Amino acid sequence: MGRGTDISIVILLIIPLIALLLIPTYNSEYPIILGIPFFYFYQMMWMPLGALLFYIAAVLWNKRDKSHGLTGSKSTGSRRRRGRM
């Protein structure tokens, strides 16, 4: 895993942002879906989709860290000193 994974993570995180910033593409009352105007339905639809895309990006990020050996490092700087104060 390398640069391709990084690009995939960025794309997965940018998709919901772009989809919601392009307001003219969904700025309409009709069609009404499940009794909700399309404008609101579209935004509510992106909440679970955005969460799903973020989850996939997080899984890819963790796999990327594991393949580079970047999982949890032990901190040695916070050890207590023994002896006199």
PDB file of N, CA and C in Angstrom:
ATOM      1  N   MET A   1       0.859  -1.180   0.000  1.00  0.00           N
ATOM      2  CA  MET A   1       0.000   0.000   0.000  1.00  0.00           C
ATOM      3  C   MET A   1       0.892   1.225   0.000  1.00  0.00           C
ATOM      4  N   GLY A   2       0.541   2.160  -0.794  1.00  0.00           N
ATOM      5  CA  GLY A   2       1.390   3.337  -0.893  1.00  0.00           C
ATOM      6  C   GLY A   2       0.604   4.552  -1.297  1.00  0.00           C
ATOM      7  N   ARG A   3       1.115   5.180  -2.313  1.00  0.00           N
ATOM      8  CA  ARG A   3       0.538   6.430  -2.761  1.00  0.00           C
ATOM      9  C   ARG A   3      -0.902   6.265  -3.259  1.00  0.00           C
ATOM     10  N   GLY A   4      -1.200   5.121  -3.871  1.00  0.00           N
ATOM     11  CA  GLY A   4      -2.556   4.866  -4.347  1.00  0.00           C
ATOM     12  C   GLY A   4      -3.561   4.831  -3.213  1.00  0.00           C
ATOM     13  N   THR A   5      -3.159   4.274  -2.075  1.00  0.00           N
ATOM     14  CA  THR A   5      -4.026   4.228  -0.910  1.00  0.00           C
ATOM     15  C   THR A   5      -4.263   5.636  -0.376  1.00  0.00           C
ATOM     16  N   ASP A   6      -3.213   6.442  -0.343  1.00  0.00           N
ATOM     17  CA  ASP A   6      -3.357   7.823   0.133  1.00  0.00           C
ATOM     18  C   ASP A   6      -4.337   8.597  -0.739  1.00  0.00           C
ATOM     19  N   ILE A   7      -4.225   8.422  -2.040  1.00  0.00           N
ATOM     20  CA  ILE A   7      -5.130   9.115  -2.961  1.00  0.00           C
ATOM     21  C   ILE A   7      -6.555   8.624  -2.772  1.00  0.00           C
ATOM     22  N   SER A   8      -6.722   7.333  -2.559  1.00  0.00           N
ATOM     23  CA  SER A   8      -8.060   6.776  -2.324  1.00  0.00           C
ATOM     24  C   SER A   8      -8.684   7.355  -1.063  1.00  0.00           C
ATOM     25  N   ILE A   9      -7.895   7.494  -0.005  1.00  0.00           N
ATOM     26  CA  ILE A   9      -8.395   8.061   1.248  1.00  0.00           C
ATOM     27  C   ILE A   9      -8.846   9.495   1.040  1.00  0.00           C
ATOM     28  N   VAL A  10      -8.047  10.285   0.346  1.00  0.00           N
ATOM     29  CA  VAL A  10      -8.402  11.681   0.091  1.00  0.00           C
ATOM     30  C   VAL A  10      -9.685  11.774  -0.729  1.00  0.00           C
ATOM     31  N   ILE A  11      -9.794  10.955  -1.748  1.00  0.00           N
ATOM     32  CA  ILE A  11     -10.996  10.977  -2.588  1.00  0.00           C
ATOM     33  C   ILE A  11     -12.229  10.597  -1.780  1.00  0.00           C
ATOM     34  N   LEU A  12     -12.114   9.561  -0.940  1.00  0.00           N
ATOM     35  CA  LEU A  12     -13.254   9.145  -0.122  1.00  0.00           C
ATOM     36  C   LEU A  12     -13.699  10.250   0.831  1.00  0.00           C
ATOM     37  N   LEU A  13     -12.768  11.051   1.327  1.00  0.00           N
ATOM     38  CA  LEU A  13     -13.120  12.117   2.254  1.00  0.00           C
ATOM     39  C   LEU A  13     -13.646  13.371   1.545  1.00  0.00           C
ATOM     40  N   ILE A  14     -13.266  13.550   0.290  1.00  0.00           N
ATOM     41  CA  ILE A  14     -13.688  14.749  -0.441  1.00  0.00           C
ATOM     42  C   ILE A  14     -15.046  14.572  -1.114  1.00  0.00           C
ATOM     43  N   ILE A  15     -15.430  13.353  -1.438  1.00  0.00           N
ATOM     44  CA  ILE A  15     -16.695  13.106  -2.149  1.00  0.00           C
ATOM     45  C   ILE A  15     -17.898  13.750  -1.454  1.00  0.00           C
ATOM     46  N   PRO A  16     -18.130  13.513  -0.144  1.00  0.00           N
ATOM     47  CA  PRO A  16     -19.300  14.140   0.488  1.00  0.00           C
ATOM     48  C   PRO A  16     -19.215  15.664   0.510  1.00  0.00           C
ATOM     49  N   LEU A  17     -18.010  16.184   0.692  1.00  0.00           N
ATOM     50  CA  LEU A  17     -17.835  17.641   0.714  1.00  0.00           C
ATOM     51  C   LEU A  17     -18.260  18.260  -0.609  1.00  0.00           C
ATOM     52  N   ILE A  18     -17.773  17.711  -1.693  1.00  0.00           N
ATOM     53  CA  ILE A  18     -18.108  18.240  -3.020  1.00  0.00           C
ATOM     54  C   ILE A  18     -19.593  18.052  -3.310  1.00  0.00           C
ATOM     55  N   ALA A  19     -20.126  16.885  -2.970  1.00  0.00           N
ATOM     56  CA  ALA A  19     -21.539  16.598  -3.238  1.00  0.00           C
ATOM     57  C   ALA A  19     -22.461  17.587  -2.529  1.00  0.00           C
ATOM     58  N   LEU A  20     -22.088  18.013  -1.338  1.00  0.00           N
ATOM     59  CA  LEU A  20     -22.944  18.945  -0.596  1.00  0.00           C
ATOM     60  C   LEU A  20     -22.662  20.407  -0.929  1.00  0.00           C
ATOM     61  N   LEU A  21     -21.494  20.698  -1.470  1.00  0.00           N
ATOM     62  CA  LEU A  21     -21.198  22.081  -1.855  1.00  0.00           C
ATOM     63  C   LEU A  21     -21.790  22.466  -3.212  1.00  0.00           C
ATOM     64  N   LEU A  22     -22.142  21.493  -4.014  1.00  0.00           N
ATOM     65  CA  LEU A  22     -22.730  21.770  -5.324  1.00  0.00           C
ATOM     66  C   LEU A  22     -24.248  21.936  -5.187  1.00  0.00           C
ATOM     67  N   ILE A  23     -24.651  22.961  -4.483  1.00  0.00           N
ATOM     68  CA  ILE A  23     -26.060  23.172  -4.155  1.00  0.00           C
ATOM     69  C   ILE A  23     -26.961  23.275  -5.387  1.00  0.00           C
ATOM     70  N   PRO A  24     -26.557  23.939  -6.460  1.00  0.00           N
ATOM     71  CA  PRO A  24     -27.466  24.015  -7.615  1.00  0.00           C
ATOM     72  C   PRO A  24     -27.873  22.657  -8.189  1.00  0.00           C
ATOM     73  N   THR A  25     -27.103  21.606  -7.937  1.00  0.00           N
ATOM     74  CA  THR A  25     -27.451  20.293  -8.476  1.00  0.00           C
ATOM     75  C   THR A  25     -28.623  19.648  -7.744  1.00  0.00           C
ATOM     76  N   TYR A  26     -28.898  20.073  -6.514  1.00  0.00           N
ATOM     77  CA  TYR A  26     -30.002  19.472  -5.767  1.00  0.00           C
ATOM     78  C   TYR A  26     -30.956  20.518  -5.183  1.00  0.00           C
ATOM     79  N   ASN A  27     -30.879  21.736  -5.658  1.00  0.00           N
ATOM     80  CA  ASN A  27     -31.712  22.820  -5.152  1.00  0.00           C
ATOM     81  C   ASN A  27     -33.091  22.798  -5.825  1.00  0.00           C
ATOM     82  N   SER A  28     -33.925  21.842  -5.428  1.00  0.00           N
ATOM     83  CA  SER A  28     -35.283  21.782  -5.951  1.00  0.00           C
ATOM     84  C   SER A  28     -36.196  21.114  -4.928  1.00  0.00           C
ATOM     85  N   GLU A  29     -37.456  21.466  -5.007  1.00  0.00           N
ATOM     86  CA  GLU A  29     -38.426  20.898  -4.088  1.00  0.00           C
ATOM     87  C   GLU A  29     -38.910  19.545  -4.571  1.00  0.00           C
ATOM     88  N   TYR A  30     -38.960  19.402  -5.897  1.00  0.00           N
ATOM     89  CA  TYR A  30     -39.473  18.160  -6.480  1.00  0.00           C
ATOM     90  C   TYR A  30     -38.344  17.359  -7.062  1.00  0.00           C
ATOM     91  N   PRO A  31     -38.361  16.081  -7.030  1.00  0.00           N
ATOM     92  CA  PRO A  31     -39.436  15.207  -6.586  1.00  0.00           C
ATOM     93  C   PRO A  31     -39.490  15.146  -5.059  1.00  0.00           C
ATOM     94  N   ILE A  32     -40.631  14.796  -4.565  1.00  0.00           N
ATOM     95  CA  ILE A  32     -40.795  14.596  -3.132  1.00  0.00           C
ATOM     96  C   ILE A  32     -40.626  13.100  -2.867  1.00  0.00           C
ATOM     97  N   ILE A  33     -39.649  12.762  -2.044  1.00  0.00           N
ATOM     98  CA  ILE A  33     -39.322  11.367  -1.757  1.00  0.00           C
ATOM     99  C   ILE A  33     -39.665  11.069  -0.302  1.00  0.00           C
ATOM    100  N   LEU A  34     -40.512  10.083  -0.094  1.00  0.00           N
ATOM    101  CA  LEU A  34     -40.966   9.708   1.248  1.00  0.00           C
ATOM    102  C   LEU A  34     -41.583  10.895   1.994  1.00  0.00           C
ATOM    103  N   GLY A  35     -42.223  11.774   1.262  1.00  0.00           N
ATOM    104  CA  GLY A  35     -42.870  12.936   1.854  1.00  0.00           C
ATOM    105  C   GLY A  35     -41.915  14.076   2.186  1.00  0.00           C
ATOM    106  N   ILE A  36     -40.658  13.949   1.773  1.00  0.00           N
ATOM    107  CA  ILE A  36     -39.645  14.967   2.064  1.00  0.00           C
ATOM    108  C   ILE A  36     -39.206  15.603   0.742  1.00  0.00           C
ATOM    109  N   PRO A  37     -39.177  16.945   0.679  1.00  0.00           N
ATOM    110  CA  PRO A  37     -38.677  17.593  -0.545  1.00  0.00           C
ATOM    111  C   PRO A  37     -37.250  17.136  -0.853  1.00  0.00           C
ATOM    112  N   PHE A  38     -36.948  17.050  -2.134  1.00  0.00           N
ATOM    113  CA  PHE A  38     -35.660  16.518  -2.578  1.00  0.00           C
ATOM    114  C   PHE A  38     -34.486  17.242  -1.949  1.00  0.00           C
ATOM    115  N   PHE A  39     -34.562  18.560  -1.758  1.00  0.00           N
ATOM    116  CA  PHE A  39     -33.469  19.351  -1.185  1.00  0.00           C
ATOM    117  C   PHE A  39     -33.042  18.780   0.175  1.00  0.00           C
ATOM    118  N   TYR A  40     -34.011  18.506   1.024  1.00  0.00           N
ATOM    119  CA  TYR A  40     -33.708  17.982   2.360  1.00  0.00           C
ATOM    120  C   TYR A  40     -33.355  16.497   2.316  1.00  0.00           C
ATOM    121  N   PHE A  41     -34.044  15.758   1.459  1.00  0.00           N
ATOM    122  CA  PHE A  41     -33.774  14.327   1.333  1.00  0.00           C
ATOM    123  C   PHE A  41     -32.330  14.091   0.899  1.00  0.00           C
ATOM    124  N   TYR A  42     -31.844  14.879  -0.049  1.00  0.00           N
ATOM    125  CA  TYR A  42     -30.484  14.743  -0.565  1.00  0.00           C
ATOM    126  C   TYR A  42     -29.459  14.958   0.547  1.00  0.00           C
ATOM    127  N   GLN A  43     -29.678  16.000   1.355  1.00  0.00           N
ATOM    128  CA  GLN A  43     -28.740  16.279   2.440  1.00  0.00           C
ATOM    129  C   GLN A  43     -28.773  15.185   3.503  1.00  0.00           C
ATOM    130  N   MET A  44     -29.963  14.698   3.826  1.00  0.00           N
ATOM    131  CA  MET A  44     -30.069  13.625   4.820  1.00  0.00           C
ATOM    132  C   MET A  44     -29.472  12.322   4.287  1.00  0.00           C
ATOM    133  N   MET A  45     -29.568  12.102   2.982  1.00  0.00           N
ATOM    134  CA  MET A  45     -29.006  10.903   2.375  1.00  0.00           C
ATOM    135  C   MET A  45     -27.488  10.876   2.541  1.00  0.00           C
ATOM    136  N   TRP A  46     -26.854  12.058   2.513  1.00  0.00           N
ATOM    137  CA  TRP A  46     -25.408  12.112   2.602  1.00  0.00           C
ATOM    138  C   TRP A  46     -24.876  11.893   4.015  1.00  0.00           C
ATOM    139  N   MET A  47     -25.738  11.971   5.020  1.00  0.00           N
ATOM    140  CA  MET A  47     -25.248  11.706   6.388  1.00  0.00           C
ATOM    141  C   MET A  47     -24.767  10.266   6.539  1.00  0.00           C
ATOM    142  N   PRO A  48     -25.588   9.247   6.249  1.00  0.00           N
ATOM    143  CA  PRO A  48     -25.061   7.878   6.364  1.00  0.00           C
ATOM    144  C   PRO A  48     -24.028   7.549   5.292  1.00  0.00           C
ATOM    145  N   LEU A  49     -24.195   8.104   4.085  1.00  0.00           N
ATOM    146  CA  LEU A  49     -23.197   7.852   3.036  1.00  0.00           C
ATOM    147  C   LEU A  49     -21.837   8.433   3.420  1.00  0.00           C
ATOM    148  N   GLY A  50     -21.840   9.641   3.968  1.00  0.00           N
ATOM    149  CA  GLY A  50     -20.593  10.271   4.411  1.00  0.00           C
ATOM    150  C   GLY A  50     -19.943   9.481   5.530  1.00  0.00           C
ATOM    151  N   ALA A  51     -20.760   8.983   6.459  1.00  0.00           N
ATOM    152  CA  ALA A  51     -20.226   8.165   7.553  1.00  0.00           C
ATOM    153  C   ALA A  51     -19.624   6.877   7.008  1.00  0.00           C
ATOM    154  N   LEU A  52     -20.271   6.261   6.037  1.00  0.00           N
ATOM    155  CA  LEU A  52     -19.760   5.035   5.430  1.00  0.00           C
ATOM    156  C   LEU A  52     -18.430   5.290   4.709  1.00  0.00           C
ATOM    157  N   LEU A  53     -18.362   6.378   3.951  1.00  0.00           N
ATOM    158  CA  LEU A  53     -17.122   6.708   3.243  1.00  0.00           C
ATOM    159  C   LEU A  53     -16.000   7.026   4.229  1.00  0.00           C
ATOM    160  N   PHE A  54     -16.336   7.713   5.321  1.00  0.00           N
ATOM    161  CA  PHE A  54     -15.333   8.009   6.348  1.00  0.00           C
ATOM    162  C   PHE A  54     -14.840   6.722   7.001  1.00  0.00           C
ATOM    163  N   TYR A  55     -15.735   5.780   7.256  1.00  0.00           N
ATOM    164  CA  TYR A  55     -15.354   4.492   7.848  1.00  0.00           C
ATOM    165  C   TYR A  55     -14.393   3.731   6.928  1.00  0.00           C
ATOM    166  N   ILE A  56     -14.717   3.708   5.642  1.00  0.00           N
ATOM    167  CA  ILE A  56     -13.848   3.021   4.681  1.00  0.00           C
ATOM    168  C   ILE A  56     -12.475   3.686   4.648  1.00  0.00           C
ATOM    169  N   ALA A  57     -12.454   5.031   4.679  1.00  0.00           N
ATOM    170  CA  ALA A  57     -11.181   5.753   4.688  1.00  0.00           C
ATOM    171  C   ALA A  57     -10.386   5.432   5.955  1.00  0.00           C
ATOM    172  N   ALA A  58     -11.062   5.311   7.090  1.00  0.00           N
ATOM    173  CA  ALA A  58     -10.381   4.996   8.351  1.00  0.00           C
ATOM    174  C   ALA A  58      -9.795   3.587   8.307  1.00  0.00           C
ATOM    175  N   VAL A  59     -10.526   2.642   7.736  1.00  0.00           N
ATOM    176  CA  VAL A  59     -10.012   1.271   7.613  1.00  0.00           C
ATOM    177  C   VAL A  59      -8.778   1.259   6.710  1.00  0.00           C
ATOM    178  N   LEU A  60      -8.840   1.967   5.593  1.00  0.00           N
ATOM    179  CA  LEU A  60      -7.679   2.049   4.700  1.00  0.00           C
ATOM    180  C   LEU A  60      -6.492   2.699   5.399  1.00  0.00           C
ATOM    181  N   TRP A  61      -6.766   3.733   6.201  1.00  0.00           N
ATOM    182  CA  TRP A  61      -5.703   4.434   6.930  1.00  0.00           C
ATOM    183  C   TRP A  61      -5.018   3.484   7.910  1.00  0.00           C
ATOM    184  N   ASN A  62      -5.822   2.684   8.641  1.00  0.00           N
ATOM    185  CA  ASN A  62      -5.249   1.732   9.597  1.00  0.00           C
ATOM    186  C   ASN A  62      -4.427   0.667   8.894  1.00  0.00           C
ATOM    187  N   LYS A  63      -4.904   0.166   7.765  1.00  0.00           N
ATOM    188  CA  LYS A  63      -4.136  -0.822   7.005  1.00  0.00           C
ATOM    189  C   LYS A  63      -2.829  -0.211   6.510  1.00  0.00           C
ATOM    190  N   ARG A  64      -2.895   1.050   6.105  1.00  0.00           N
ATOM    191  CA  ARG A  64      -1.710   1.763   5.624  1.00  0.00           C
ATOM    192  C   ARG A  64      -0.690   1.885   6.749  1.00  0.00           C
ATOM    193  N   ASP A  65      -1.151   2.255   7.952  1.00  0.00           N
ATOM    194  CA  ASP A  65      -0.238   2.377   9.088  1.00  0.00           C
ATOM    195  C   ASP A  65       0.392   1.041   9.445  1.00  0.00           C
ATOM    196  N   LYS A  66      -0.405  -0.028   9.428  1.00  0.00           N
ATOM    197  CA  LYS A  66       0.129  -1.347   9.765  1.00  0.00           C
ATOM    198  C   LYS A  66       1.171  -1.804   8.747  1.00  0.00           C
ATOM    199  N   SER A  67       0.943  -1.494   7.473  1.00  0.00           N
ATOM    200  CA  SER A  67       1.896  -1.921   6.454  1.00  0.00           C
ATOM    201  C   SER A  67       3.205  -1.135   6.531  1.00  0.00           C
ATOM    202  N   HIS A  68       3.150   0.078   7.118  1.00  0.00           N
ATOM    203  CA  HIS A  68       4.367   0.878   7.281  1.00  0.00           C
ATOM    204  C   HIS A  68       4.974   0.705   8.673  1.00  0.00           C
ATOM    205  N   GLY A  69       4.371  -0.130   9.504  1.00  0.00           N
ATOM    206  CA  GLY A  69       4.902  -0.360  10.847  1.00  0.00           C
ATOM    207  C   GLY A  69       4.704   0.821  11.775  1.00  0.00           C
ATOM    208  N   LEU A  70       3.631   1.573  11.595  1.00  0.00           N
ATOM    209  CA  LEU A  70       3.400   2.776  12.394  1.00  0.00           C
ATOM    210  C   LEU A  70       2.373   2.563  13.497  1.00  0.00           C
ATOM    211  N   THR A  71       2.135   1.343  13.903  1.00  0.00           N
ATOM    212  CA  THR A  71       1.147   1.104  14.945  1.00  0.00           C
ATOM    213  C   THR A  71       1.760   1.352  16.302  1.00  0.00           C
ATOM    214  N   GLY A  72       1.039   2.033  17.166  1.00  0.00           N
ATOM    215  CA  GLY A  72       1.372   2.347  18.552  1.00  0.00           C
ATOM    216  C   GLY A  72       2.823   2.280  18.966  1.00  0.00           C
ATOM    217  N   SER A  73       3.401   3.414  19.291  1.00  0.00           N
ATOM    218  CA  SER A  73       4.771   3.429  19.785  1.00  0.00           C
ATOM    219  C   SER A  73       4.754   3.602  21.295  1.00  0.00           C
ATOM    220  N   LYS A  74       5.719   2.994  21.963  1.00  0.00           N
ATOM    221  CA  LYS A  74       5.799   3.100  23.414  1.00  0.00           C
ATOM    222  C   LYS A  74       6.517   4.388  23.782  1.00  0.00           C
ATOM    223  N   SER A  75       5.923   5.110  24.696  1.00  0.00           N
ATOM    224  CA  SER A  75       6.501   6.369  25.133  1.00  0.00           C
ATOM    225  C   SER A  75       7.484   6.120  26.264  1.00  0.00           C
ATOM    226  N   THR A  76       8.712   6.600  26.136  1.00  0.00           N
ATOM    227  CA  THR A  76       9.705   6.440  27.194  1.00  0.00           C
ATOM    228  C   THR A  76       9.915   7.743  27.949  1.00  0.00           C
ATOM    229  N   GLY A  77       9.392   8.812  27.457  1.00  0.00           N
ATOM    230  CA  GLY A  77       9.618  10.108  28.076  1.00  0.00           C
ATOM    231  C   GLY A  77       8.799  10.347  29.336  1.00  0.00           C
ATOM    232  N   SER A  78       7.784   9.553  29.594  1.00  0.00           N
ATOM    233  CA  SER A  78       6.929   9.815  30.733  1.00  0.00           C
ATOM    234  C   SER A  78       7.218   8.907  31.929  1.00  0.00           C
ATOM    235  N   ARG A  79       8.327   8.218  31.913  1.00  0.00           N
ATOM    236  CA  ARG A  79       8.676   7.350  33.038  1.00  0.00           C
ATOM    237  C   ARG A  79       9.009   8.195  34.265  1.00  0.00           C
ATOM    238  N   ARG A  80       8.610   7.669  35.395  1.00  0.00           N
ATOM    239  CA  ARG A  80       8.903   8.374  36.647  1.00  0.00           C
ATOM    240  C   ARG A  80      10.330   8.066  37.067  1.00  0.00           C
ATOM    241  N   ARG A  81      10.991   9.058  37.569  1.00  0.00           N
ATOM    242  CA  ARG A  81      12.350   8.853  38.063  1.00  0.00           C
ATOM    243  C   ARG A  81      12.293   8.336  39.488  1.00  0.00           C
ATOM    244  N   ARG A  82      13.162   7.417  39.750  1.00  0.00           N
ATOM    245  CA  ARG A  82      13.251   6.885  41.112  1.00  0.00           C
ATOM    246  C   ARG A  82      14.402   7.571  41.825  1.00  0.00           C
ATOM    247  N   GLY A  83      14.203   7.749  43.065  1.00  0.00           N
ATOM    248  CA  GLY A  83      15.298   8.354  43.841  1.00  0.00           C
ATOM    249  C   GLY A  83      14.811   9.546  44.624  1.00  0.00           C
ATOM    250  N   ARG A  84      15.743  10.365  45.032  1.00  0.00           N
ATOM    251  CA  ARG A  84      15.414  11.542  45.842  1.00  0.00           C
ATOM    252  C   ARG A  84      14.881  12.660  44.986  1.00  0.00           C
ATOM    253  N   MET A  85      14.093  13.475  45.615  1.00  0.00           N
ATOM    254  CA  MET A  85      13.562  14.652  44.913  1.00  0.00           C
ATOM    255  C   MET A  85      14.207  15.895  45.417  1.00  0.00           C
TER     256      MET A  85
END
